[in-house]
Each structure stands twice: as structure tokens, then as C-alpha cells.
Amino acid sequence: MEKSLAEIQREVDQYISQFKEGYFSPLAMLARMSEEVGELAREVNHSFGEKPKKSTEEDNSIELELGDILFITVCFANSLGINLAEAHDKVMHKFNTRDANRWTKKDTE
């Protein structure tokens, strides 16, 4: 079953709401997001770059790191009252107008 962004945002909010600490501050979340992006970069470098993992390193995955980034993104949005579906629609509008002719389109025939 696929979840909508609204369902994901509610699920994360229900999880975070059970703790007295609640959401981190925006600056703390930005630091967490940067940390998670660094972990994703490390996994991508191990999988597609020239730097293999050490035998002592944890077996992480790109999928899990993307999941961590999604989680912190949802936390960030929730803490600021941002609807991610609406944010996505605005970004797609921008790409479909500003960047409409930027890339070479595939033949549709």
C-alpha cells in the first residue's frame, strides 16, 4: 500500500507527538539533515565511487539513508506547518514552466 505525503506527515507527527521533547528546532533539524545527506553521500561513494567500505563498517544502504532524509524532511516540514504535497505542487509548477524547454525531451512516437 502506497502512502500519500499527507499520511506520511500525519504518521511522523503521531510518532513525534508522543515525546515531551517534540520536534527539534529548525537549526538542529538542518544540522540533522546535513548529517543524513553526508551519510547518503558516503553510501553512494561506497556503491558507485572509488572508496570501498572497510570490513569494520556497518552495512547500511542507500535506501535506508534516503528514508532517514525523508523522515527528517517530514519532521522539518511538520515543525514549520508546511504541507509537503502543496510544496511539491509548487516545485513541479516551477519546473514545468521555468524549465519547460531546458532539457531534451524523449521522442513520444
N, C-alpha and C. Protein backbone atom coordinates (compact mmCIF):
# COMPACT_ATOMS: atom_id res chain seq x y z
N MET A 1 0.84 -1.19 0.00
CA MET A 1 0.00 0.00 0.00
C MET A 1 0.89 1.25 0.00
N GLU A 2 0.67 2.10 -0.97
CA GLU A 2 1.40 3.36 -1.02
C GLU A 2 0.74 4.38 -0.10
N LYS A 3 1.57 5.19 0.53
CA LYS A 3 1.06 6.25 1.42
C LYS A 3 1.17 7.59 0.71
N SER A 4 0.21 8.45 0.98
CA SER A 4 0.29 9.81 0.46
C SER A 4 1.25 10.61 1.34
N LEU A 5 1.69 11.75 0.84
CA LEU A 5 2.53 12.62 1.65
C LEU A 5 1.80 13.05 2.91
N ALA A 6 0.50 13.32 2.79
CA ALA A 6 -0.29 13.72 3.96
C ALA A 6 -0.29 12.61 5.01
N GLU A 7 -0.44 11.37 4.57
CA GLU A 7 -0.41 10.24 5.51
C GLU A 7 0.95 10.11 6.16
N ILE A 8 2.01 10.30 5.39
CA ILE A 8 3.36 10.23 5.94
C ILE A 8 3.56 11.34 6.96
N GLN A 9 3.11 12.54 6.64
CA GLN A 9 3.26 13.65 7.57
C GLN A 9 2.49 13.39 8.87
N ARG A 10 1.28 12.83 8.76
CA ARG A 10 0.50 12.51 9.97
C ARG A 10 1.18 11.41 10.79
N GLU A 11 1.69 10.38 10.11
CA GLU A 11 2.36 9.27 10.80
C GLU A 11 3.58 9.76 11.59
N VAL A 12 4.38 10.61 10.96
CA VAL A 12 5.56 11.15 11.63
C VAL A 12 5.13 12.03 12.79
N ASP A 13 4.09 12.84 12.59
CA ASP A 13 3.62 13.72 13.66
C ASP A 13 3.11 12.91 14.86
N GLN A 14 2.40 11.82 14.59
CA GLN A 14 1.93 10.96 15.68
C GLN A 14 3.11 10.37 16.44
N TYR A 15 4.14 9.98 15.72
CA TYR A 15 5.32 9.42 16.36
C TYR A 15 6.00 10.47 17.24
N ILE A 16 6.27 11.65 16.68
CA ILE A 16 6.99 12.70 17.41
C ILE A 16 6.16 13.23 18.58
N SER A 17 4.84 13.28 18.41
CA SER A 17 3.96 13.85 19.43
C SER A 17 3.92 13.05 20.72
N GLN A 18 4.39 11.82 20.70
CA GLN A 18 4.37 11.01 21.92
C GLN A 18 5.52 11.37 22.87
N PHE A 19 6.43 12.23 22.43
CA PHE A 19 7.59 12.59 23.24
C PHE A 19 7.50 14.04 23.72
N LYS A 20 7.84 14.28 24.97
CA LYS A 20 7.80 15.63 25.54
C LYS A 20 8.68 16.60 24.77
N GLU A 21 9.81 16.10 24.26
CA GLU A 21 10.76 16.98 23.56
C GLU A 21 10.19 17.52 22.25
N GLY A 22 9.31 16.77 21.61
CA GLY A 22 8.71 17.21 20.35
C GLY A 22 9.75 17.36 19.24
N TYR A 23 9.44 18.24 18.30
CA TYR A 23 10.34 18.48 17.18
C TYR A 23 11.56 19.28 17.63
N PHE A 24 12.70 19.03 16.98
CA PHE A 24 13.89 19.83 17.23
C PHE A 24 13.69 21.22 16.63
N SER A 25 14.54 22.15 17.00
CA SER A 25 14.50 23.50 16.42
C SER A 25 14.89 23.42 14.94
N PRO A 26 14.50 24.42 14.15
CA PRO A 26 14.88 24.41 12.74
C PRO A 26 16.39 24.29 12.51
N LEU A 27 17.20 24.96 13.31
CA LEU A 27 18.65 24.86 13.14
C LEU A 27 19.16 23.46 13.46
N ALA A 28 18.61 22.85 14.50
CA ALA A 28 19.01 21.48 14.84
C ALA A 28 18.58 20.51 13.74
N MET A 29 17.40 20.74 13.16
CA MET A 29 16.94 19.86 12.08
C MET A 29 17.78 20.04 10.82
N LEU A 30 18.20 21.25 10.55
CA LEU A 30 19.07 21.47 9.40
C LEU A 30 20.40 20.75 9.60
N ALA A 31 20.91 20.78 10.82
CA ALA A 31 22.14 20.05 11.12
C ALA A 31 21.93 18.56 10.94
N ARG A 32 20.79 18.04 11.43
CA ARG A 32 20.48 16.62 11.26
C ARG A 32 20.35 16.25 9.79
N MET A 33 19.70 17.12 9.01
CA MET A 33 19.54 16.86 7.59
C MET A 33 20.90 16.81 6.90
N SER A 34 21.77 17.75 7.24
CA SER A 34 23.12 17.78 6.66
C SER A 34 23.87 16.50 7.01
N GLU A 35 23.72 16.06 8.25
CA GLU A 35 24.34 14.82 8.71
C GLU A 35 23.85 13.63 7.88
N GLU A 36 22.54 13.56 7.67
CA GLU A 36 21.95 12.45 6.91
C GLU A 36 22.38 12.49 5.45
N VAL A 37 22.46 13.68 4.86
CA VAL A 37 22.92 13.80 3.47
C VAL A 37 24.37 13.33 3.37
N GLY A 38 25.17 13.62 4.37
CA GLY A 38 26.55 13.13 4.40
C GLY A 38 26.61 11.61 4.44
N GLU A 39 25.71 11.00 5.23
CA GLU A 39 25.66 9.54 5.30
C GLU A 39 25.23 8.94 3.96
N LEU A 40 24.30 9.61 3.27
CA LEU A 40 23.89 9.16 1.94
C LEU A 40 25.07 9.26 0.97
N ALA A 41 25.79 10.36 1.04
CA ALA A 41 26.95 10.55 0.16
C ALA A 41 27.97 9.44 0.38
N ARG A 42 28.17 9.08 1.61
CA ARG A 42 29.12 8.01 1.93
C ARG A 42 28.67 6.68 1.31
N GLU A 43 27.37 6.37 1.42
CA GLU A 43 26.84 5.13 0.85
C GLU A 43 26.94 5.13 -0.68
N VAL A 44 26.63 6.26 -1.30
CA VAL A 44 26.73 6.36 -2.76
C VAL A 44 28.18 6.20 -3.19
N ASN A 45 29.09 6.80 -2.44
CA ASN A 45 30.51 6.68 -2.76
C ASN A 45 30.97 5.23 -2.63
N HIS A 46 30.48 4.53 -1.62
CA HIS A 46 30.83 3.12 -1.45
C HIS A 46 30.27 2.27 -2.58
N SER A 47 29.06 2.57 -3.01
CA SER A 47 28.40 1.76 -4.04
C SER A 47 28.85 2.10 -5.46
N PHE A 48 29.11 3.39 -5.73
CA PHE A 48 29.37 3.81 -7.11
C PHE A 48 30.70 4.53 -7.28
N GLY A 49 31.38 4.81 -6.19
CA GLY A 49 32.63 5.56 -6.27
C GLY A 49 33.84 4.67 -6.10
N GLU A 50 34.91 5.30 -5.81
CA GLU A 50 36.19 4.60 -5.72
C GLU A 50 36.57 4.23 -4.30
N LYS A 51 35.67 4.44 -3.35
CA LYS A 51 36.01 4.22 -1.95
C LYS A 51 35.21 3.05 -1.37
N PRO A 52 35.76 1.84 -1.39
CA PRO A 52 35.03 0.70 -0.82
C PRO A 52 34.93 0.81 0.70
N LYS A 53 33.94 0.14 1.25
CA LYS A 53 33.77 0.13 2.71
C LYS A 53 34.88 -0.66 3.37
N LYS A 54 35.17 -0.25 4.59
CA LYS A 54 36.10 -1.03 5.41
C LYS A 54 35.32 -2.23 5.93
N SER A 55 36.01 -3.29 6.20
CA SER A 55 35.34 -4.50 6.69
C SER A 55 34.66 -4.28 8.03
N THR A 56 35.08 -3.26 8.76
CA THR A 56 34.50 -2.99 10.08
C THR A 56 33.30 -2.06 10.02
N GLU A 57 33.00 -1.51 8.84
CA GLU A 57 31.89 -0.55 8.72
C GLU A 57 30.54 -1.24 8.67
N GLU A 58 29.55 -0.55 9.23
CA GLU A 58 28.17 -1.04 9.24
C GLU A 58 27.64 -1.24 7.83
N ASP A 59 26.76 -2.21 7.69
CA ASP A 59 26.15 -2.48 6.40
C ASP A 59 24.89 -1.63 6.26
N ASN A 60 25.04 -0.40 5.80
CA ASN A 60 23.92 0.50 5.56
C ASN A 60 23.52 0.40 4.10
N SER A 61 22.50 1.14 3.71
CA SER A 61 22.10 1.13 2.32
C SER A 61 21.63 2.51 1.89
N ILE A 62 21.68 2.73 0.61
CA ILE A 62 21.18 3.98 0.05
C ILE A 62 19.70 4.13 0.39
N GLU A 63 18.96 3.03 0.32
CA GLU A 63 17.53 3.06 0.64
C GLU A 63 17.28 3.57 2.06
N LEU A 64 18.02 3.04 3.03
CA LEU A 64 17.84 3.48 4.43
C LEU A 64 18.25 4.93 4.61
N GLU A 65 19.30 5.35 3.95
CA GLU A 65 19.73 6.74 4.08
C GLU A 65 18.71 7.69 3.46
N LEU A 66 18.13 7.31 2.32
CA LEU A 66 17.06 8.13 1.73
C LEU A 66 15.85 8.17 2.66
N GLY A 67 15.57 7.05 3.32
CA GLY A 67 14.47 7.01 4.30
C GLY A 67 14.73 7.96 5.45
N ASP A 68 15.98 8.01 5.93
CA ASP A 68 16.33 8.94 7.00
C ASP A 68 16.14 10.39 6.55
N ILE A 69 16.54 10.68 5.31
CA ILE A 69 16.38 12.04 4.78
C ILE A 69 14.90 12.39 4.64
N LEU A 70 14.10 11.43 4.19
CA LEU A 70 12.65 11.68 4.10
C LEU A 70 12.08 11.96 5.48
N PHE A 71 12.47 11.18 6.48
CA PHE A 71 11.97 11.37 7.84
C PHE A 71 12.30 12.76 8.36
N ILE A 72 13.55 13.18 8.23
CA ILE A 72 13.93 14.49 8.76
C ILE A 72 13.29 15.61 7.95
N THR A 73 13.09 15.39 6.65
CA THR A 73 12.39 16.38 5.82
C THR A 73 10.96 16.55 6.30
N VAL A 74 10.30 15.44 6.59
CA VAL A 74 8.92 15.48 7.08
C VAL A 74 8.88 16.15 8.46
N CYS A 75 9.82 15.83 9.33
CA CYS A 75 9.88 16.48 10.64
C CYS A 75 10.04 17.99 10.47
N PHE A 76 10.94 18.39 9.59
CA PHE A 76 11.20 19.81 9.33
C PHE A 76 9.92 20.49 8.86
N ALA A 77 9.27 19.89 7.88
CA ALA A 77 8.04 20.47 7.33
C ALA A 77 6.95 20.54 8.41
N ASN A 78 6.77 19.46 9.13
CA ASN A 78 5.73 19.44 10.18
C ASN A 78 5.97 20.53 11.21
N SER A 79 7.22 20.68 11.63
CA SER A 79 7.52 21.66 12.68
C SER A 79 7.23 23.08 12.24
N LEU A 80 7.27 23.32 10.94
CA LEU A 80 7.03 24.66 10.40
C LEU A 80 5.63 24.80 9.79
N GLY A 81 4.80 23.75 9.91
CA GLY A 81 3.44 23.79 9.37
C GLY A 81 3.39 23.80 7.86
N ILE A 82 4.35 23.15 7.21
CA ILE A 82 4.40 23.11 5.75
C ILE A 82 3.77 21.82 5.25
N ASN A 83 2.84 21.95 4.32
CA ASN A 83 2.21 20.81 3.67
C ASN A 83 3.11 20.40 2.51
N LEU A 84 3.70 19.22 2.62
CA LEU A 84 4.67 18.80 1.59
C LEU A 84 4.03 18.54 0.24
N ALA A 85 2.78 18.13 0.19
CA ALA A 85 2.11 17.93 -1.10
C ALA A 85 1.97 19.28 -1.81
N GLU A 86 1.60 20.31 -1.06
CA GLU A 86 1.50 21.65 -1.66
C GLU A 86 2.87 22.16 -2.09
N ALA A 87 3.89 21.92 -1.27
CA ALA A 87 5.25 22.33 -1.63
C ALA A 87 5.69 21.63 -2.90
N HIS A 88 5.37 20.33 -3.00
CA HIS A 88 5.71 19.57 -4.20
C HIS A 88 5.01 20.15 -5.44
N ASP A 89 3.73 20.46 -5.31
CA ASP A 89 2.98 21.04 -6.43
C ASP A 89 3.62 22.35 -6.90
N LYS A 90 4.04 23.17 -5.96
CA LYS A 90 4.68 24.45 -6.32
C LYS A 90 6.00 24.22 -7.04
N VAL A 91 6.77 23.26 -6.57
CA VAL A 91 8.05 22.96 -7.21
C VAL A 91 7.83 22.40 -8.61
N MET A 92 6.85 21.51 -8.77
CA MET A 92 6.58 20.95 -10.10
C MET A 92 6.10 22.03 -11.06
N HIS A 93 5.30 22.97 -10.57
CA HIS A 93 4.86 24.09 -11.41
C HIS A 93 6.09 24.87 -11.89
N LYS A 94 7.01 25.12 -10.97
CA LYS A 94 8.23 25.85 -11.32
C LYS A 94 9.01 25.10 -12.40
N PHE A 95 9.19 23.79 -12.23
CA PHE A 95 9.93 23.01 -13.22
C PHE A 95 9.20 22.96 -14.55
N ASN A 96 7.89 22.86 -14.52
CA ASN A 96 7.11 22.75 -15.75
C ASN A 96 6.98 24.08 -16.49
N THR A 97 7.28 25.18 -15.85
CA THR A 97 7.22 26.48 -16.52
C THR A 97 8.62 27.01 -16.79
N ARG A 98 9.37 27.28 -15.75
CA ARG A 98 10.72 27.85 -15.91
C ARG A 98 11.64 26.94 -16.70
N ASP A 99 11.58 25.64 -16.42
CA ASP A 99 12.50 24.68 -17.05
C ASP A 99 11.84 23.86 -18.15
N ALA A 100 10.72 24.34 -18.68
CA ALA A 100 9.95 23.56 -19.65
C ALA A 100 10.78 23.15 -20.87
N ASN A 101 11.67 24.00 -21.31
CA ASN A 101 12.47 23.70 -22.51
C ASN A 101 13.96 23.56 -22.21
N ARG A 102 14.27 23.31 -20.98
CA ARG A 102 15.68 23.24 -20.56
C ARG A 102 16.35 21.94 -20.98
N TRP A 103 15.62 20.86 -20.97
CA TRP A 103 16.17 19.53 -21.23
C TRP A 103 15.64 18.97 -22.54
N THR A 104 16.36 18.05 -23.12
CA THR A 104 15.96 17.43 -24.37
C THR A 104 14.91 16.37 -24.07
N LYS A 105 13.72 16.55 -24.63
CA LYS A 105 12.62 15.62 -24.38
C LYS A 105 12.79 14.35 -25.22
N LYS A 106 12.33 13.25 -24.65
CA LYS A 106 12.34 11.97 -25.37
C LYS A 106 11.28 12.03 -26.47
N ASP A 107 11.52 11.29 -27.53
CA ASP A 107 10.50 11.19 -28.58
C ASP A 107 9.30 10.48 -28.02
N THR A 108 8.11 10.97 -28.36
CA THR A 108 6.89 10.36 -27.86
C THR A 108 6.23 9.44 -28.87
N GLU A 109 6.89 9.23 -30.00
CA GLU A 109 6.32 8.38 -31.05
C GLU A 109 6.66 6.94 -30.82
